[in-house]
Amino acid sequence: MEKENIAVGLDIGTTKIVAMIGKKNEYGKLEILGVGKSKSLGVARGVVNNITQTIQSIQQAVLEAENNSGYKINDVVVGIAGQHIRSIQHTDYVIRNNAEEVISGRDIQLLIDQVNKLAMLPGEEIIHVLPQEFKIDGQSEIKEPIGMYGARLEASFHVVVGQASSIRNVGRCIQSSGIELSGLTLEPLASADAVLSQEEKEAGVALIDIGGGTTDLAIFKDGIIRHTAVVPFGGNVITDDIKEGCSIIEKQAELLKVKFGSAWPGENKDNEIVSIPGLRGRDPKEISLKNLSKIIHARVVEIIEQVFTEIKAYGHEDPRKKLIAGIVLTGGGSQLKHIKQLVEYITGMDTRIGYPNEHLAGNSGEEISSPLYATAVGLVMNSIQNNSNSAYKIELKEVVAEAPRPAMQQPVFEPKTEEAPVVAVAPPAEEKEEAETAEKQIKRSFFDRYVDKIKDFLDNAE
């Protein structure tokens, strides 16, 4: 039987961890087989700060995805983000030995390998080397050099750099969760795959992914990634502001933001008030929605202005670099009421909310096509491109589940004779032991393979 190309993406966010299992259907669309979601503990601003809690959250999300889909996860493509991410532009070239031969993929790989050896700041390492445009013997603006002749092959690259320790910590969490790591992808690139169309990438577009801990930016022009940045503020900072400004607990602040929050304070009337139950017998608190919107507005303006500074740094004002398709907002923060209008007002650029439904199969649930899941969908798409076989159907489930069953069926409180309990209970216990050791051996062989792979990954990261 032919193996299915099952792909798995793991989005380790600041507020939630999502494990998503998917495959391509016969129409080339992404069919989601199972989703697992858990509250993200141990991650702050996209960076792991508590290994034990992160491992527990990952295991919870993975288990839920496995139970929903009936597939067992082997390995995952993980999104990497956080305030330590930065990007640089770099140009490099190779002189080819034989100019009479056409340029092949090997020449391009040689060039990419050369860029990968760039000296970075201490403690940093290269995550992505993305070729942009090529030059062959001085002839510029070549997008696809394969099959052409030339002696000197030159290219400009977009190089994404991150902190080695942060990347290793993510690898360590996945290793300890009992799954393998098949690839790392920058989260804004994954979100871009999920919500942007090719036309937008050609025309010029800025993707702003407003997450819980960070806001990610990816800029495309002429179908090529031009700029990436991570702003260390997200929805959680807005929640903190509400918590401080209204003197309420975090849970209430989050609910207020989601249910009544608006990024545009003008629309709330002065007499609109929401009552919040007081803590432990205290009187309820009354909060003006106008004040709530003012608090949210101030922080959202700050986040958008920081992102707009990055867009200007790319050179948006230059007519040749103009982003004709404007801005696409995604991530959980994009669901804040009136945020689209505020972004248009601050930047003067056309804005839309990005849903990851363009690449999803028609029968996908409404929840999955929410901007919340944009990164996870993008990571699954990335995993499919790698032709990974990241999960397999669980078929031994019934056998393993049946092993302890005789002990459960045995009437415990009604022994017929004194010897009966000994005879009846002993064999199931042995069966149980055998099943457990068999299961342990299977797990161990998975784990051994995993450890080898992660060691290679961690060694390469050094």
Protein backbone atom coordinates (compact mmCIF):
# COMPACT_ATOMS: atom_id res chain seq x y z
CA MET A 1 0.00 0.00 0.00
CA GLU A 2 1.33 3.41 -0.92
CA LYS A 3 2.27 5.59 2.04
CA GLU A 4 0.18 8.69 2.54
CA ASN A 5 1.95 12.04 2.60
CA ILE A 6 0.71 13.16 6.02
CA ALA A 7 2.13 16.48 7.21
CA VAL A 8 2.25 17.91 10.72
CA GLY A 9 2.82 21.51 11.81
CA LEU A 10 3.45 22.66 15.38
CA ASP A 11 2.89 26.34 16.18
CA ILE A 12 4.51 27.15 19.52
CA GLY A 13 2.95 30.50 20.34
CA THR A 14 2.94 32.68 23.43
CA THR A 15 -0.76 32.13 24.19
CA LYS A 16 -1.45 28.76 22.56
CA ILE A 17 0.31 25.73 21.11
CA VAL A 18 -1.36 24.18 18.06
CA ALA A 19 -0.54 20.78 16.56
CA MET A 20 -2.17 20.31 13.15
CA ILE A 21 -2.23 17.16 11.01
CA GLY A 22 -3.13 17.47 7.33
CA LYS A 23 -2.74 16.04 3.84
CA LYS A 24 -3.34 17.16 0.27
CA ASN A 25 -6.62 15.97 -1.22
CA GLU A 26 -7.11 15.01 -4.88
CA TYR A 27 -7.78 18.66 -5.80
CA GLY A 28 -4.45 19.82 -4.35
CA LYS A 29 -6.15 21.53 -1.40
CA LEU A 30 -5.16 21.01 2.23
CA GLU A 31 -7.41 18.65 4.16
CA ILE A 32 -7.06 19.01 7.94
CA LEU A 33 -7.30 15.61 9.65
CA GLY A 34 -6.92 16.71 13.26
CA VAL A 35 -6.11 19.74 15.40
CA GLY A 36 -4.86 19.83 18.98
CA LYS A 37 -4.70 23.04 20.98
CA SER A 38 -3.37 23.72 24.46
CA LYS A 39 -2.71 26.78 26.57
CA SER A 40 0.90 27.78 26.09
CA LEU A 41 2.73 27.77 29.40
CA GLY A 42 6.44 28.49 29.51
CA VAL A 43 6.65 30.71 26.39
CA ALA A 44 7.02 34.49 26.60
CA ARG A 45 7.22 36.75 23.53
CA GLY A 46 7.80 33.76 21.27
CA VAL A 47 10.75 32.46 23.33
CA VAL A 48 10.75 29.37 25.57
CA ASN A 49 11.43 30.39 29.17
CA ASN A 50 10.25 27.25 30.98
CA ILE A 51 11.21 23.94 29.35
CA THR A 52 9.07 21.67 31.60
CA GLN A 53 5.84 23.62 31.12
CA THR A 54 6.41 23.95 27.36
CA ILE A 55 6.94 20.16 27.05
CA GLN A 56 3.66 19.50 28.90
CA SER A 57 1.77 21.95 26.66
CA ILE A 58 3.27 20.40 23.50
CA GLN A 59 2.37 16.87 24.66
CA GLN A 60 -1.19 17.96 25.43
CA ALA A 61 -1.66 19.54 21.97
CA VAL A 62 -0.05 16.56 20.19
CA LEU A 63 -2.19 14.03 22.09
CA GLU A 64 -5.38 15.95 21.27
CA ALA A 65 -4.44 16.12 17.56
CA GLU A 66 -3.69 12.36 17.55
CA ASN A 67 -7.00 11.52 19.25
CA ASN A 68 -8.96 13.75 16.85
CA SER A 69 -7.35 12.31 13.72
CA GLY A 70 -6.54 8.67 14.52
CA TYR A 71 -2.94 9.27 13.38
CA LYS A 72 0.25 8.92 15.41
CA ILE A 73 2.69 11.83 15.00
CA ASN A 74 6.34 11.01 14.16
CA ASP A 75 7.78 14.43 13.42
CA VAL A 76 6.76 18.06 13.03
CA VAL A 77 7.69 21.27 11.24
CA VAL A 78 7.96 23.97 13.89
CA GLY A 79 7.47 27.70 13.58
CA ILE A 80 10.16 29.90 15.06
CA ALA A 81 9.55 33.50 16.13
CA GLY A 82 10.49 35.79 18.98
CA GLN A 83 12.18 39.10 19.53
CA HIS A 84 15.62 37.60 18.79
CA ILE A 85 14.81 37.20 15.07
CA ARG A 86 16.40 39.66 12.63
CA SER A 87 16.97 39.66 8.89
CA ILE A 88 19.81 40.93 6.70
CA GLN A 89 20.32 41.46 2.98
CA HIS A 90 23.44 39.84 1.57
CA THR A 91 24.95 39.45 -1.90
CA ASP A 92 27.30 36.61 -2.81
CA TYR A 93 28.70 34.97 -5.95
CA VAL A 94 30.43 31.84 -7.25
CA ILE A 95 32.75 31.48 -10.24
CA ARG A 96 31.81 28.35 -12.16
CA ASN A 97 34.56 25.99 -13.36
CA ASN A 98 32.90 25.21 -16.64
CA ALA A 99 30.99 28.08 -18.28
CA GLU A 100 30.07 25.76 -21.20
CA GLU A 101 27.73 23.76 -18.95
CA VAL A 102 24.29 25.10 -18.09
CA ILE A 103 23.62 26.30 -14.56
CA SER A 104 22.02 23.58 -12.46
CA GLY A 105 20.42 23.34 -9.03
CA ARG A 106 23.81 22.21 -7.73
CA ASP A 107 25.36 25.62 -8.55
CA ILE A 108 22.58 27.40 -6.66
CA GLN A 109 22.97 25.03 -3.70
CA LEU A 110 26.72 25.78 -3.70
CA LEU A 111 25.93 29.48 -3.49
CA ILE A 112 23.39 28.94 -0.67
CA ASP A 113 25.92 26.78 1.25
CA GLN A 114 28.45 29.59 0.89
CA VAL A 115 26.00 32.09 2.43
CA ASN A 116 25.27 29.63 5.24
CA LYS A 117 28.93 29.92 6.27
CA LEU A 118 28.62 33.67 6.87
CA ALA A 119 30.11 34.82 10.17
CA MET A 120 27.33 35.84 12.54
CA LEU A 121 27.37 37.68 15.85
CA PRO A 122 28.27 35.44 18.83
CA GLY A 123 25.32 33.24 19.84
CA GLU A 124 23.45 33.76 16.55
CA GLU A 125 22.79 31.32 13.75
CA ILE A 126 21.20 31.37 10.31
CA ILE A 127 17.65 29.98 10.09
CA HIS A 128 16.80 30.69 6.44
CA VAL A 129 18.79 31.67 3.34
CA LEU A 130 16.25 32.85 0.76
CA PRO A 131 17.56 33.68 -2.74
CA GLN A 132 15.89 36.74 -4.24
CA GLU A 133 17.29 37.70 -7.64
CA PHE A 134 20.21 36.36 -9.62
CA LYS A 135 22.84 37.94 -11.84
CA ILE A 136 24.69 35.97 -14.50
CA ASP A 137 27.84 37.57 -15.91
CA GLY A 138 26.50 41.02 -15.02
CA GLN A 139 23.03 40.44 -16.50
CA SER A 140 20.66 41.32 -13.66
CA GLU A 141 17.03 40.67 -12.64
CA ILE A 142 17.07 36.95 -13.42
CA LYS A 143 14.53 35.05 -11.35
CA GLU A 144 15.26 31.52 -12.58
CA PRO A 145 18.92 30.92 -13.58
CA ILE A 146 18.66 27.12 -14.03
CA GLY A 147 19.33 26.13 -17.64
CA MET A 148 21.23 29.31 -18.55
CA TYR A 149 24.93 29.66 -19.46
CA GLY A 150 27.38 31.80 -17.54
CA ALA A 151 30.71 31.84 -15.66
CA ARG A 152 29.85 34.09 -12.72
CA LEU A 153 26.63 33.38 -10.81
CA GLU A 154 25.68 36.09 -8.33
CA ALA A 155 22.59 36.41 -6.12
CA SER A 156 21.08 38.67 -3.51
CA PHE A 157 19.82 36.84 -0.44
CA HIS A 158 17.40 37.49 2.38
CA VAL A 159 19.07 35.91 5.41
CA VAL A 160 17.00 35.28 8.55
CA VAL A 161 19.06 35.07 11.74
CA GLY A 162 18.05 33.97 15.24
CA GLN A 163 19.53 33.22 18.64
CA ALA A 164 21.08 29.75 18.70
CA SER A 165 20.10 29.09 22.33
CA SER A 166 16.42 29.89 21.65
CA ILE A 167 16.38 27.56 18.64
CA ARG A 168 18.03 24.78 20.66
CA ASN A 169 15.54 25.21 23.49
CA VAL A 170 12.68 24.67 21.03
CA GLY A 171 14.47 21.57 19.69
CA ARG A 172 14.97 20.31 23.24
CA CYS A 173 11.25 20.72 24.09
CA ILE A 174 10.21 18.74 21.02
CA GLN A 175 12.82 16.04 21.66
CA SER A 176 11.60 15.65 25.25
CA SER A 177 7.98 15.45 24.03
CA GLY A 178 8.89 12.23 22.21
CA ILE A 179 8.59 13.51 18.63
CA GLU A 180 11.12 14.39 15.96
CA LEU A 181 11.85 17.77 14.45
CA SER A 182 11.72 17.66 10.65
CA GLY A 183 12.11 21.38 9.95
CA LEU A 184 12.15 24.94 11.21
CA THR A 185 10.24 27.74 9.50
CA LEU A 186 10.02 31.41 10.32
CA GLU A 187 6.44 31.96 11.52
CA PRO A 188 5.66 35.05 9.38
CA LEU A 189 6.73 33.04 6.29
CA ALA A 190 4.39 30.20 7.30
CA SER A 191 1.50 32.64 7.86
CA ALA A 192 2.24 34.26 4.48
CA ASP A 193 1.99 30.87 2.73
CA ALA A 194 -1.41 30.34 4.32
CA VAL A 195 -3.12 33.70 3.76
CA LEU A 196 -1.48 35.50 0.80
CA SER A 197 -2.25 34.91 -2.86
CA GLN A 198 0.45 34.86 -5.52
CA GLU A 199 -1.03 38.03 -7.08
CA GLU A 200 -0.60 39.91 -3.81
CA LYS A 201 3.01 38.75 -3.47
CA GLU A 202 3.69 39.96 -7.01
CA ALA A 203 1.99 43.35 -6.52
CA GLY A 204 3.71 43.99 -3.18
CA VAL A 205 2.15 43.24 0.19
CA ALA A 206 2.98 43.47 3.91
CA LEU A 207 1.69 40.65 6.09
CA ILE A 208 1.22 41.61 9.74
CA ASP A 209 0.61 38.64 12.05
CA ILE A 210 -0.54 39.95 15.46
CA GLY A 211 0.04 37.11 17.91
CA GLY A 212 -0.13 36.92 21.68
CA GLY A 213 3.48 37.76 22.45
CA THR A 214 4.88 39.17 19.20
CA THR A 215 3.77 40.85 16.00
CA ASP A 216 5.47 39.38 12.92
CA LEU A 217 5.99 41.16 9.62
CA ALA A 218 6.77 39.73 6.18
CA ILE A 219 7.01 41.95 3.08
CA PHE A 220 6.76 40.55 -0.47
CA LYS A 221 7.31 42.30 -3.79
CA ASP A 222 7.56 40.77 -7.29
CA GLY A 223 6.76 37.40 -5.72
CA ILE A 224 9.93 37.53 -3.57
CA ILE A 225 10.33 37.92 0.19
CA ARG A 226 11.95 41.32 0.76
CA HIS A 227 11.87 42.00 4.49
CA THR A 228 11.00 40.21 7.74
CA ALA A 229 10.83 41.56 11.28
CA VAL A 230 9.45 40.65 14.69
CA VAL A 231 8.06 43.36 16.99
CA PRO A 232 8.10 42.18 20.64
CA PHE A 233 4.51 43.28 21.37
CA GLY A 234 1.23 41.50 20.79
CA GLY A 235 -2.25 40.91 22.17
CA ASN A 236 -0.96 40.04 25.65
CA VAL A 237 0.39 43.57 26.15
CA ILE A 238 -3.08 44.95 25.40
CA THR A 239 -4.56 42.56 27.99
CA ASP A 240 -1.94 43.70 30.55
CA ASP A 241 -2.82 47.34 29.89
CA ILE A 242 -6.53 46.62 30.47
CA LYS A 243 -5.65 44.70 33.65
CA GLU A 244 -3.64 47.64 35.02
CA GLY A 245 -5.93 50.39 33.73
CA CYS A 246 -9.16 48.85 35.04
CA SER A 247 -7.65 47.12 38.15
CA ILE A 248 -9.07 43.71 37.26
CA ILE A 249 -7.59 40.21 36.96
CA GLU A 250 -6.04 38.93 33.71
CA LYS A 251 -8.85 36.47 32.88
CA GLN A 252 -11.43 39.26 33.08
CA ALA A 253 -9.20 41.63 31.07
CA GLU A 254 -8.86 39.05 28.26
CA LEU A 255 -12.63 38.45 28.16
CA LEU A 256 -13.31 42.21 28.12
CA LYS A 257 -10.87 42.68 25.22
CA VAL A 258 -12.39 39.85 23.16
CA LYS A 259 -16.08 40.55 23.84
CA PHE A 260 -16.28 44.36 24.14
CA GLY A 261 -12.89 45.67 23.01
CA SER A 262 -12.52 48.01 20.05
CA ALA A 263 -9.47 49.69 18.56
CA TRP A 264 -11.55 52.78 17.71
CA PRO A 265 -12.77 54.66 20.82
CA GLY A 266 -15.01 57.09 18.91
CA GLU A 267 -17.81 54.57 18.43
CA ASN A 268 -18.52 53.97 22.16
CA LYS A 269 -20.95 56.28 23.92
CA ASP A 270 -20.08 57.63 27.37
CA ASN A 271 -22.96 55.81 29.05
CA GLU A 272 -21.98 52.32 27.80
CA ILE A 273 -20.84 50.43 30.88
CA VAL A 274 -20.07 46.79 31.55
CA SER A 275 -20.27 45.33 35.06
CA ILE A 276 -17.66 42.82 36.21
CA PRO A 277 -18.14 40.57 39.27
CA GLY A 278 -15.92 41.57 42.19
CA LEU A 279 -13.38 39.24 43.78
CA ARG A 280 -14.48 37.20 46.81
CA GLY A 281 -17.59 39.00 47.97
CA ARG A 282 -16.47 42.46 46.86
CA ASP A 283 -18.83 44.75 44.98
CA PRO A 284 -19.02 44.40 41.17
CA LYS A 285 -16.82 46.77 39.17
CA GLU A 286 -18.29 49.02 36.51
CA ILE A 287 -16.09 49.74 33.51
CA SER A 288 -16.81 52.31 30.80
CA LEU A 289 -16.45 50.84 27.29
CA LYS A 290 -15.14 54.20 26.09
CA ASN A 291 -12.24 53.98 28.56
CA LEU A 292 -11.65 50.34 27.60
CA SER A 293 -11.39 51.31 23.92
CA LYS A 294 -9.04 54.19 24.74
CA ILE A 295 -6.67 51.80 26.55
CA ILE A 296 -6.75 49.33 23.62
CA HIS A 297 -6.42 52.11 21.03
CA ALA A 298 -3.27 53.55 22.64
CA ARG A 299 -1.45 50.19 22.62
CA VAL A 300 -2.61 49.11 19.15
CA VAL A 301 -1.42 52.44 17.71
CA GLU A 302 2.00 51.82 19.28
CA ILE A 303 2.23 48.30 17.80
CA ILE A 304 1.09 49.42 14.33
CA GLU A 305 3.49 52.38 14.34
CA GLN A 306 6.42 50.09 15.17
CA VAL A 307 5.44 47.77 12.32
CA PHE A 308 5.00 50.76 9.98
CA THR A 309 8.55 51.88 10.89
CA GLU A 310 9.76 48.47 9.63
CA ILE A 311 7.71 48.88 6.42
CA LYS A 312 9.36 52.28 5.89
CA ALA A 313 12.78 50.72 6.60
CA TYR A 314 12.12 48.34 3.69
CA GLY A 315 11.66 51.44 1.52
CA HIS A 316 7.91 51.55 0.94
CA GLU A 317 8.07 55.22 -0.14
CA ASP A 318 10.27 54.35 -3.14
CA PRO A 319 7.92 54.06 -6.17
CA ARG A 320 9.69 50.88 -7.33
CA LYS A 321 9.16 49.27 -3.91
CA LYS A 322 5.55 50.38 -3.48
CA LEU A 323 3.27 47.79 -1.88
CA ILE A 324 0.29 47.95 -4.23
CA ALA A 325 -1.70 45.21 -2.43
CA GLY A 326 -1.30 47.07 0.88
CA ILE A 327 -1.47 45.23 4.20
CA VAL A 328 -2.93 41.86 5.23
CA LEU A 329 -3.65 41.39 8.94
CA THR A 330 -3.77 37.91 10.47
CA GLY A 331 -3.26 36.17 13.81
CA GLY A 332 -5.52 36.36 16.85
CA GLY A 333 -5.00 40.12 17.27
CA SER A 334 -6.51 40.80 13.82
CA GLN A 335 -9.94 39.83 15.22
CA LEU A 336 -10.07 42.97 17.38
CA LYS A 337 -13.00 45.13 16.32
CA HIS A 338 -12.17 48.06 13.96
CA ILE A 339 -8.45 47.22 13.80
CA LYS A 340 -8.61 47.19 9.98
CA GLN A 341 -9.87 50.80 9.91
CA LEU A 342 -7.22 51.90 12.42
CA VAL A 343 -4.39 50.32 10.38
CA GLU A 344 -5.68 52.04 7.21
CA TYR A 345 -5.86 55.35 9.10
CA ILE A 346 -2.28 55.11 10.47
CA THR A 347 -0.56 53.75 7.36
CA GLY A 348 -2.74 55.07 4.55
CA MET A 349 -2.53 51.60 2.93
CA ASP A 350 -5.36 49.28 1.83
CA THR A 351 -5.91 46.62 4.48
CA ARG A 352 -7.76 43.32 4.67
CA ILE A 353 -8.02 40.54 7.27
CA GLY A 354 -6.25 37.36 6.13
CA TYR A 355 -8.04 34.02 6.56
CA PRO A 356 -6.15 30.79 5.78
CA ASN A 357 -9.06 29.37 3.77
CA GLU A 358 -7.63 29.85 0.27
CA HIS A 359 -5.60 26.63 0.46
CA LEU A 360 -7.99 24.65 2.68
CA ALA A 361 -10.38 21.97 1.42
CA GLY A 362 -14.03 23.02 1.23
CA ASN A 363 -15.13 20.78 4.11
CA SER A 364 -12.78 22.43 6.66
CA GLY A 365 -14.46 23.69 9.81
CA GLU A 366 -15.06 27.38 10.40
CA GLU A 367 -12.71 27.37 13.39
CA ILE A 368 -9.71 26.18 11.33
CA SER A 369 -10.17 28.96 8.75
CA SER A 370 -9.88 31.58 11.51
CA PRO A 371 -6.84 33.94 11.45
CA LEU A 372 -5.82 32.29 14.76
CA TYR A 373 -4.71 29.20 12.84
CA ALA A 374 -2.91 30.95 9.96
CA THR A 375 0.58 29.98 11.17
CA ALA A 376 -0.37 26.35 11.90
CA VAL A 377 -1.93 25.94 8.42
CA GLY A 378 1.20 27.47 6.85
CA LEU A 379 3.45 25.05 8.78
CA VAL A 380 1.42 22.04 7.55
CA MET A 381 1.76 23.38 3.97
CA ASN A 382 5.52 23.70 4.54
CA SER A 383 5.65 20.11 5.81
CA ILE A 384 3.79 18.91 2.67
CA GLN A 385 6.36 20.66 0.45
CA ASN A 386 9.10 18.66 2.23
CA ASN A 387 7.22 15.47 1.20
CA SER A 388 7.34 14.47 4.83
CA ASN A 389 5.60 11.40 6.15
CA SER A 390 5.04 12.89 9.56
CA ALA A 391 2.24 10.68 10.87
CA TYR A 392 0.84 7.21 10.33
CA LYS A 393 -2.57 5.64 10.91
CA ILE A 394 -2.98 4.01 14.32
CA GLU A 395 -3.89 0.36 13.69
CA LEU A 396 -2.55 -1.32 16.85
CA LYS A 397 -4.87 0.81 18.98
CA GLU A 398 -7.51 -1.93 19.47
CA VAL A 399 -4.91 -4.62 20.34
CA VAL A 400 -3.18 -2.48 22.96
CA ALA A 401 -6.49 -1.29 24.35
CA GLU A 402 -7.80 -4.85 24.75
CA ALA A 403 -4.86 -6.18 26.76
CA PRO A 404 -5.95 -4.92 30.21
CA ARG A 405 -9.66 -5.51 29.49
CA PRO A 406 -10.03 -9.00 31.12
CA ALA A 407 -8.98 -7.55 34.48
CA MET A 408 -11.68 -4.88 34.15
CA GLN A 409 -14.36 -7.45 33.24
CA GLN A 410 -13.44 -9.74 36.15
CA PRO A 411 -15.96 -9.31 39.01
CA VAL A 412 -13.64 -8.11 41.76
CA PHE A 413 -16.01 -8.34 44.73
CA GLU A 414 -17.53 -11.79 44.04
CA PRO A 415 -14.85 -14.48 44.43
CA LYS A 416 -16.43 -17.97 44.05
CA THR A 417 -13.68 -19.72 46.06
CA GLU A 418 -10.61 -18.60 47.93
CA GLU A 419 -8.28 -19.62 45.06
CA ALA A 420 -10.44 -18.12 42.32
CA PRO A 421 -9.16 -14.53 42.61
CA VAL A 422 -5.55 -15.69 42.27
CA VAL A 423 -6.24 -17.78 39.16
CA ALA A 424 -8.50 -15.16 37.53
CA VAL A 425 -6.34 -12.10 38.18
CA ALA A 426 -2.83 -13.43 37.49
CA PRO A 427 -3.04 -14.02 33.68
CA PRO A 428 -4.42 -10.54 32.86
CA ALA A 429 -1.62 -8.99 34.94
CA GLU A 430 0.95 -10.95 32.88
CA GLU A 431 -0.78 -9.97 29.64
CA LYS A 432 -0.77 -6.39 30.82
CA GLU A 433 2.97 -6.58 31.57
CA GLU A 434 3.69 -8.08 28.14
CA ALA A 435 1.62 -5.42 26.41
CA GLU A 436 3.38 -2.70 28.41
CA THR A 437 6.88 -4.02 27.60
CA ALA A 438 5.96 -4.36 23.91
CA GLU A 439 4.64 -0.79 23.94
CA LYS A 440 7.80 0.41 25.73
CA GLN A 441 10.01 -1.26 23.11
CA ILE A 442 8.09 0.43 20.29
CA LYS A 443 8.34 3.77 22.08
CA ARG A 444 12.04 3.23 22.76
CA SER A 445 12.85 2.51 19.11
CA PHE A 446 10.96 5.69 18.11
CA PHE A 447 12.78 7.61 20.79
CA ASP A 448 16.22 6.25 19.77
CA ARG A 449 15.64 7.30 16.17
CA TYR A 450 14.41 10.65 17.37
CA VAL A 451 17.38 11.25 19.65
CA ASP A 452 19.82 10.55 16.78
CA LYS A 453 18.06 13.05 14.56
CA ILE A 454 17.80 15.76 17.19
CA LYS A 455 21.48 15.27 18.13
CA ASP A 456 22.40 15.91 14.51
CA PHE A 457 20.18 18.97 14.51
CA LEU A 458 21.63 20.30 17.76
CA ASP A 459 25.20 19.53 16.62
CA ASN A 460 24.62 21.41 13.38
CA ALA A 461 23.26 24.30 15.39
CA GLU A 462 26.54 24.63 17.27
